[in-house]
């Protein structure tokens, strides 16, 4: 019984990750948006709930810090990390506005808002992306199932057509690692100063 459960997890994981093989062009376009924004001096705001909040922090850490290469830091911020801001907005407005309010204050035209929601319907992620679009920023979404509301809202949306949250998140992780690698590779030498200056 235990072995069968483990094997099922392996099989379901392989199927979920396998969907990415049909998303090569989409991932290339997403990387292009990130690269274009950062190259022009823009920033990326990443947000989600629960495991997707952890993924948002993971993405920010890889890009603000480094993924594989030594290079200048990129302007990337996860909106799930400032507990004082999140709880103030949730208390004074609503939990649904914890991302949209931050987006309103931080985003500028040419920046990228990147929302993660395995259902595609998390209200605060949807509102965050909507606010970003109103403020003329580019939008990226990672979703699952049928894509939900964010699939129609975001400029570009990666949908993992699975129903198991864990498997969707595992595919999301591979996808965002690919995007981190592509972005870092394209911009690795941008802004690097000459040590002899």
Protein backbone atom coordinates (compact mmCIF):
# COMPACT_ATOMS: atom_id res chain seq x y z
CA UNK A 1 0.00 0.00 0.00
CA UNK A 2 2.77 2.46 0.94
CA UNK A 3 4.83 1.54 -2.12
CA UNK A 4 1.80 2.05 -4.34
CA UNK A 5 1.20 5.50 -2.85
CA UNK A 6 4.83 6.47 -3.43
CA UNK A 7 4.73 5.21 -7.00
CA UNK A 8 1.49 7.12 -7.64
CA UNK A 9 3.15 10.32 -6.40
CA UNK A 10 6.06 9.72 -8.79
CA UNK A 11 3.68 9.06 -11.70
CA UNK A 12 1.50 12.10 -10.96
CA UNK A 13 4.59 14.29 -10.61
CA UNK A 14 5.94 13.12 -13.96
CA UNK A 15 2.60 13.88 -15.65
CA UNK A 16 2.39 17.37 -14.13
CA UNK A 17 5.97 18.27 -15.03
CA UNK A 18 5.46 16.73 -18.46
CA UNK A 19 2.91 19.43 -19.29
CA UNK A 20 5.79 21.92 -19.36
CA UNK A 21 7.15 20.30 -22.52
CA UNK A 22 4.24 21.89 -24.37
CA UNK A 23 5.01 25.29 -22.81
CA UNK A 24 8.47 26.03 -24.19
CA UNK A 25 7.34 29.02 -26.27
CA UNK A 26 5.26 30.37 -23.40
CA UNK A 27 8.21 30.15 -21.00
CA UNK A 28 10.37 31.88 -23.58
CA UNK A 29 7.85 34.74 -23.78
CA UNK A 30 7.66 34.97 -19.99
CA UNK A 31 11.43 35.15 -19.73
CA UNK A 32 11.36 37.87 -22.37
CA UNK A 33 9.00 39.99 -20.26
CA UNK A 34 11.17 39.60 -17.17
CA UNK A 35 14.37 40.36 -19.07
CA UNK A 36 12.88 43.38 -20.84
CA UNK A 37 11.63 44.87 -17.58
CA UNK A 38 14.83 44.34 -15.61
CA UNK A 39 17.02 45.53 -18.50
CA UNK A 40 15.04 48.78 -18.59
CA UNK A 41 15.46 49.33 -14.85
CA UNK A 42 12.08 47.92 -13.87
CA UNK A 43 11.19 45.51 -11.11
CA UNK A 44 9.24 42.32 -10.57
CA UNK A 45 6.62 41.89 -7.83
CA UNK A 46 5.77 38.26 -7.04
CA UNK A 47 2.88 37.09 -4.88
CA UNK A 48 0.75 34.14 -3.83
CA UNK A 49 -0.77 32.40 -0.81
CA UNK A 50 0.47 29.49 1.29
CA UNK A 51 2.81 27.30 -0.73
CA UNK A 52 2.61 29.83 -3.55
CA UNK A 53 3.72 32.54 -1.11
CA UNK A 54 6.74 30.37 -0.36
CA UNK A 55 7.32 30.01 -4.10
CA UNK A 56 7.11 33.80 -4.50
CA UNK A 57 9.79 34.19 -1.84
CA UNK A 58 11.87 31.48 -3.50
CA UNK A 59 11.70 33.32 -6.84
CA UNK A 60 12.65 36.64 -5.24
CA UNK A 61 15.55 35.02 -3.43
CA UNK A 62 16.91 33.44 -6.60
CA UNK A 63 16.72 36.68 -8.60
CA UNK A 64 17.61 39.27 -5.97
CA UNK A 65 20.38 37.02 -4.70
CA UNK A 66 21.60 34.63 -7.38
CA UNK A 67 20.52 31.45 -9.10
CA UNK A 68 23.66 30.03 -10.77
CA UNK A 69 25.84 32.99 -11.69
CA UNK A 70 27.65 35.84 -10.02
CA UNK A 71 26.01 39.01 -11.33
CA UNK A 72 24.37 42.25 -10.17
CA UNK A 73 21.23 41.93 -8.04
CA UNK A 74 17.87 42.15 -9.80
CA UNK A 75 14.98 44.24 -8.44
CA UNK A 76 12.55 41.51 -7.37
CA UNK A 77 10.25 41.63 -4.34
CA UNK A 78 7.92 39.01 -2.84
CA UNK A 79 4.78 40.67 -1.47
CA UNK A 80 4.11 37.95 1.10
CA UNK A 81 7.04 38.72 3.41
CA UNK A 82 6.19 41.97 5.22
CA UNK A 83 3.87 40.84 8.02
CA UNK A 84 3.26 44.35 9.35
CA UNK A 85 2.15 45.58 5.94
CA UNK A 86 0.07 42.47 5.20
CA UNK A 87 -1.73 42.52 8.55
CA UNK A 88 -2.31 46.28 8.40
CA UNK A 89 -3.89 46.04 4.95
CA UNK A 90 -5.93 42.96 5.93
CA UNK A 91 -7.14 44.72 9.09
CA UNK A 92 -7.83 48.15 7.59
CA UNK A 93 -9.19 46.97 4.22
CA UNK A 94 -9.52 43.22 3.65
CA UNK A 95 -7.39 40.14 3.11
CA UNK A 96 -8.39 40.26 -0.54
CA UNK A 97 -6.47 43.53 -0.92
CA UNK A 98 -3.14 42.52 0.63
CA UNK A 99 -1.44 42.32 -2.77
CA UNK A 100 -3.36 44.92 -4.76
CA UNK A 101 -2.61 47.63 -2.20
CA UNK A 102 1.11 46.81 -2.32
CA UNK A 103 1.01 46.70 -6.11
CA UNK A 104 -0.65 50.13 -6.16
CA UNK A 105 2.16 51.64 -4.10
CA UNK A 106 5.12 49.88 -5.67
CA UNK A 107 4.49 49.10 -9.31
CA UNK A 108 5.25 51.35 -12.27
CA UNK A 109 4.62 51.02 -16.02
CA UNK A 110 7.11 48.55 -17.43
CA UNK A 111 7.35 46.54 -14.21
CA UNK A 112 6.05 42.95 -14.02
CA UNK A 113 3.47 41.59 -11.58
CA UNK A 114 3.77 37.81 -11.21
CA UNK A 115 0.91 36.03 -9.46
CA UNK A 116 0.89 32.39 -8.38
CA UNK A 117 -2.33 30.53 -7.57
CA UNK A 118 -2.82 26.81 -8.06
CA UNK A 119 -6.59 27.27 -8.46
CA UNK A 120 -6.28 30.36 -10.61
CA UNK A 121 -9.00 31.98 -8.53
CA UNK A 122 -7.34 33.31 -5.35
CA UNK A 123 -9.14 36.63 -4.90
CA UNK A 124 -6.11 38.56 -3.64
CA UNK A 125 -3.94 37.34 -6.52
CA UNK A 126 -6.66 38.22 -9.04
CA UNK A 127 -6.99 41.73 -7.56
CA UNK A 128 -3.21 42.17 -7.52
CA UNK A 129 -2.98 41.35 -11.22
CA UNK A 130 -5.97 43.56 -12.04
CA UNK A 131 -4.39 46.51 -10.24
CA UNK A 132 -1.10 45.95 -12.05
CA UNK A 133 -2.83 45.99 -15.43
CA UNK A 134 -4.66 49.23 -14.57
CA UNK A 135 -1.28 50.75 -13.73
CA UNK A 136 0.12 49.62 -17.11
CA UNK A 137 2.46 46.95 -15.81
CA UNK A 138 2.95 43.58 -17.49
CA UNK A 139 1.40 40.53 -15.83
CA UNK A 140 2.41 36.89 -15.55
CA UNK A 141 0.43 34.16 -13.80
CA UNK A 142 1.13 30.57 -12.80
CA UNK A 143 -2.01 28.49 -12.32
CA UNK A 144 -3.41 24.98 -12.34
CA UNK A 145 -6.58 23.08 -13.24
CA UNK A 146 -8.43 24.96 -15.97
CA UNK A 147 -6.44 28.13 -15.28
CA UNK A 148 -9.22 29.92 -13.41
CA UNK A 149 -9.70 33.68 -13.56
CA UNK A 150 -6.01 34.52 -13.90
CA UNK A 151 -5.75 32.62 -17.19
CA UNK A 152 -7.98 35.22 -18.86
CA UNK A 153 -6.57 38.15 -16.91
CA UNK A 154 -2.78 37.88 -17.16
CA UNK A 155 -0.79 38.83 -20.25
CA UNK A 156 0.85 35.41 -20.06
CA UNK A 157 -0.36 32.47 -17.98
CA UNK A 158 1.20 29.06 -17.41
CA UNK A 159 -1.50 26.51 -16.59
CA UNK A 160 -0.63 23.07 -15.23
CA UNK A 161 -3.81 21.08 -16.05
CA UNK A 162 -3.75 18.95 -12.91
CA UNK A 163 -5.98 18.93 -9.83
CA UNK A 164 -3.48 18.04 -7.11
CA UNK A 165 -2.07 21.20 -5.51
CA UNK A 166 1.24 19.57 -4.60
CA UNK A 167 1.86 18.32 -8.14
CA UNK A 168 0.93 21.73 -9.61
CA UNK A 169 3.39 23.45 -7.27
CA UNK A 170 6.12 20.99 -8.22
CA UNK A 171 5.64 21.83 -11.90
CA UNK A 172 5.56 25.54 -11.04
CA UNK A 173 8.90 25.19 -9.30
CA UNK A 174 10.58 23.69 -12.36
CA UNK A 175 9.03 26.41 -14.53
CA UNK A 176 10.21 29.27 -12.36
CA UNK A 177 13.67 27.77 -12.04
CA UNK A 178 13.80 27.76 -15.85
CA UNK A 179 12.71 31.43 -15.90
CA UNK A 180 15.29 32.35 -13.26
CA UNK A 181 18.00 30.64 -15.28
CA UNK A 182 17.00 32.29 -18.57
CA UNK A 183 16.71 35.73 -16.97
CA UNK A 184 20.00 35.46 -15.16
CA UNK A 185 21.78 34.16 -18.25
CA UNK A 186 20.52 37.05 -20.37
CA UNK A 187 21.38 39.73 -17.81
CA UNK A 188 24.41 38.26 -16.06
CA UNK A 189 26.78 41.02 -17.20
CA UNK A 190 24.34 43.94 -17.07
CA UNK A 191 25.62 46.72 -14.90
CA UNK A 192 28.74 44.89 -13.81
CA UNK A 193 31.38 47.45 -12.93
CA UNK A 194 35.01 47.23 -13.90
CA UNK A 195 37.00 46.24 -10.77
CA UNK A 196 39.93 48.34 -12.06
CA UNK A 197 37.89 51.58 -12.09
